[in-house]
Amino acid sequence: MLSQEQLAELIGVEPRHMSRIEVGQSYPSLDRLEKIAQTLNVPLKDFFDFLHLKEAEDRLDDIREMSKSLSEEHQKIVFRFLRVLMEL
């Protein structure tokens, strides 16, 4: 896991600028976004995935559908994970 300062150094920006990007006070260029994605080893498209902002019922439907395709062992892991989240 990278700190904000480490990420800033790896993509060639000042830590203050990285902080402004993180909180939405500054917007990176597409080139900079590409560099961030490469550094974090995530697909660039993931920065534009807003599926988590769906309505609550739609999210629950998606969770139900996704869980159906999991193996029994993975379902158990997800169940335990959700139980822990409920305790927070």
C-alpha atoms as a PDB file:
ATOM      1  CA  MET A   1       0.000   0.000   0.000  1.00  0.00           C
ATOM      2  CA  LEU A   2       1.319   3.388  -0.979  1.00  0.00           C
ATOM      3  CA  SER A   3       1.063   6.555   1.049  1.00  0.00           C
ATOM      4  CA  GLN A   4      -0.200   9.692  -0.629  1.00  0.00           C
ATOM      5  CA  GLU A   5       3.346  11.054  -0.599  1.00  0.00           C
ATOM      6  CA  GLN A   6       4.756   7.909  -2.209  1.00  0.00           C
ATOM      7  CA  LEU A   7       2.131   7.953  -4.948  1.00  0.00           C
ATOM      8  CA  ALA A   8       2.811  11.630  -5.587  1.00  0.00           C
ATOM      9  CA  GLU A   9       6.516  10.912  -5.969  1.00  0.00           C
ATOM     10  CA  LEU A  10       5.911   7.958  -8.300  1.00  0.00           C
ATOM     11  CA  ILE A  11       3.674   9.958 -10.630  1.00  0.00           C
ATOM     12  CA  GLY A  12       5.805  13.098 -10.486  1.00  0.00           C
ATOM     13  CA  VAL A  13       3.628  15.587  -8.620  1.00  0.00           C
ATOM     14  CA  GLU A  14       3.978  17.480  -5.371  1.00  0.00           C
ATOM     15  CA  PRO A  15       2.289  15.829  -2.377  1.00  0.00           C
ATOM     16  CA  ARG A  16       0.098  18.947  -1.958  1.00  0.00           C
ATOM     17  CA  HIS A  17      -1.177  18.510  -5.510  1.00  0.00           C
ATOM     18  CA  MET A  18      -1.882  14.813  -4.897  1.00  0.00           C
ATOM     19  CA  SER A  19      -3.851  15.795  -1.801  1.00  0.00           C
ATOM     20  CA  ARG A  20      -5.924  18.285  -3.812  1.00  0.00           C
ATOM     21  CA  ILE A  21      -6.636  15.592  -6.416  1.00  0.00           C
ATOM     22  CA  GLU A  22      -7.710  13.165  -3.700  1.00  0.00           C
ATOM     23  CA  VAL A  23     -10.216  15.570  -2.142  1.00  0.00           C
ATOM     24  CA  GLY A  24     -11.546  16.847  -5.478  1.00  0.00           C
ATOM     25  CA  GLN A  25     -10.047  20.334  -5.336  1.00  0.00           C
ATOM     26  CA  SER A  26      -7.929  19.650  -8.412  1.00  0.00           C
ATOM     27  CA  TYR A  27      -8.606  17.470 -11.415  1.00  0.00           C
ATOM     28  CA  PRO A  28      -5.848  15.433 -13.048  1.00  0.00           C
ATOM     29  CA  SER A  29      -5.346  15.310 -16.796  1.00  0.00           C
ATOM     30  CA  LEU A  30      -6.061  12.059 -18.601  1.00  0.00           C
ATOM     31  CA  ASP A  31      -2.308  11.475 -18.890  1.00  0.00           C
ATOM     32  CA  ARG A  32      -1.909  11.875 -15.145  1.00  0.00           C
ATOM     33  CA  LEU A  33      -4.879   9.580 -14.496  1.00  0.00           C
ATOM     34  CA  GLU A  34      -3.235   6.991 -16.735  1.00  0.00           C
ATOM     35  CA  LYS A  35      -0.029   7.302 -14.741  1.00  0.00           C
ATOM     36  CA  ILE A  36      -1.908   6.896 -11.461  1.00  0.00           C
ATOM     37  CA  ALA A  37      -3.720   3.824 -12.791  1.00  0.00           C
ATOM     38  CA  GLN A  38      -0.468   2.261 -13.986  1.00  0.00           C
ATOM     39  CA  THR A  39       1.240   2.995 -10.679  1.00  0.00           C
ATOM     40  CA  LEU A  40      -1.645   1.490  -8.707  1.00  0.00           C
ATOM     41  CA  ASN A  41      -1.919  -1.394 -11.180  1.00  0.00           C
ATOM     42  CA  VAL A  42      -5.636  -0.841 -11.782  1.00  0.00           C
ATOM     43  CA  PRO A  43      -7.508  -0.410 -15.064  1.00  0.00           C
ATOM     44  CA  LEU A  44      -8.118   3.249 -15.951  1.00  0.00           C
ATOM     45  CA  LYS A  45     -11.821   2.490 -16.436  1.00  0.00           C
ATOM     46  CA  ASP A  46     -12.117   1.752 -12.690  1.00  0.00           C
ATOM     47  CA  PHE A  47     -11.793   5.486 -12.006  1.00  0.00           C
ATOM     48  CA  PHE A  48     -15.059   5.981 -13.883  1.00  0.00           C
ATOM     49  CA  ASP A  49     -17.042   3.110 -12.380  1.00  0.00           C
ATOM     50  CA  PHE A  50     -19.862   4.642 -10.366  1.00  0.00           C
ATOM     51  CA  LEU A  51     -21.984   1.520  -9.949  1.00  0.00           C
ATOM     52  CA  HIS A  52     -21.693   1.830  -6.169  1.00  0.00           C
ATOM     53  CA  LEU A  53     -23.814   4.995  -6.428  1.00  0.00           C
ATOM     54  CA  LYS A  54     -26.892   3.090  -7.599  1.00  0.00           C
ATOM     55  CA  GLU A  55     -30.071   3.188  -5.561  1.00  0.00           C
ATOM     56  CA  ALA A  56     -29.943   0.958  -2.466  1.00  0.00           C
ATOM     57  CA  GLU A  57     -32.384  -1.644  -3.782  1.00  0.00           C
ATOM     58  CA  ASP A  58     -30.495  -1.919  -7.094  1.00  0.00           C
ATOM     59  CA  ARG A  59     -27.224  -2.399  -5.199  1.00  0.00           C
ATOM     60  CA  LEU A  60     -28.796  -5.141  -3.095  1.00  0.00           C
ATOM     61  CA  ASP A  61     -30.086  -6.865  -6.232  1.00  0.00           C
ATOM     62  CA  ASP A  62     -26.574  -6.726  -7.704  1.00  0.00           C
ATOM     63  CA  ILE A  63     -25.092  -8.158  -4.507  1.00  0.00           C
ATOM     64  CA  ARG A  64     -27.608 -11.004  -4.554  1.00  0.00           C
ATOM     65  CA  GLU A  65     -26.834 -11.794  -8.198  1.00  0.00           C
ATOM     66  CA  MET A  66     -23.076 -11.682  -7.691  1.00  0.00           C
ATOM     67  CA  SER A  67     -23.262 -13.908  -4.619  1.00  0.00           C
ATOM     68  CA  LYS A  68     -25.129 -16.599  -6.563  1.00  0.00           C
ATOM     69  CA  SER A  69     -22.113 -17.158  -8.788  1.00  0.00           C
ATOM     70  CA  LEU A  70     -19.717 -17.610  -5.853  1.00  0.00           C
ATOM     71  CA  SER A  71     -18.569 -20.975  -4.636  1.00  0.00           C
ATOM     72  CA  GLU A  72     -19.926 -22.062  -1.271  1.00  0.00           C
ATOM     73  CA  GLU A  73     -16.554 -21.332   0.323  1.00  0.00           C
ATOM     74  CA  HIS A  74     -16.465 -17.805  -1.093  1.00  0.00           C
ATOM     75  CA  GLN A  75     -20.059 -17.232   0.031  1.00  0.00           C
ATOM     76  CA  LYS A  76     -18.979 -18.131   3.564  1.00  0.00           C
ATOM     77  CA  ILE A  77     -16.112 -15.639   3.356  1.00  0.00           C
ATOM     78  CA  VAL A  78     -18.427 -12.895   2.106  1.00  0.00           C
ATOM     79  CA  PHE A  79     -20.907 -13.706   4.861  1.00  0.00           C
ATOM     80  CA  ARG A  80     -18.222 -13.435   7.545  1.00  0.00           C
ATOM     81  CA  PHE A  81     -16.963 -10.196   6.019  1.00  0.00           C
ATOM     82  CA  LEU A  82     -20.464  -8.692   6.073  1.00  0.00           C
ATOM     83  CA  ARG A  83     -20.942  -9.774   9.679  1.00  0.00           C
ATOM     84  CA  VAL A  84     -17.776  -7.900  10.629  1.00  0.00           C
ATOM     85  CA  LEU A  85     -18.943  -4.806   8.732  1.00  0.00           C
ATOM     86  CA  MET A  86     -22.250  -4.900  10.594  1.00  0.00           C
ATOM     87  CA  GLU A  87     -20.370  -4.660  13.886  1.00  0.00           C
ATOM     88  CA  LEU A  88     -18.539  -1.476  12.903  1.00  0.00           C
END
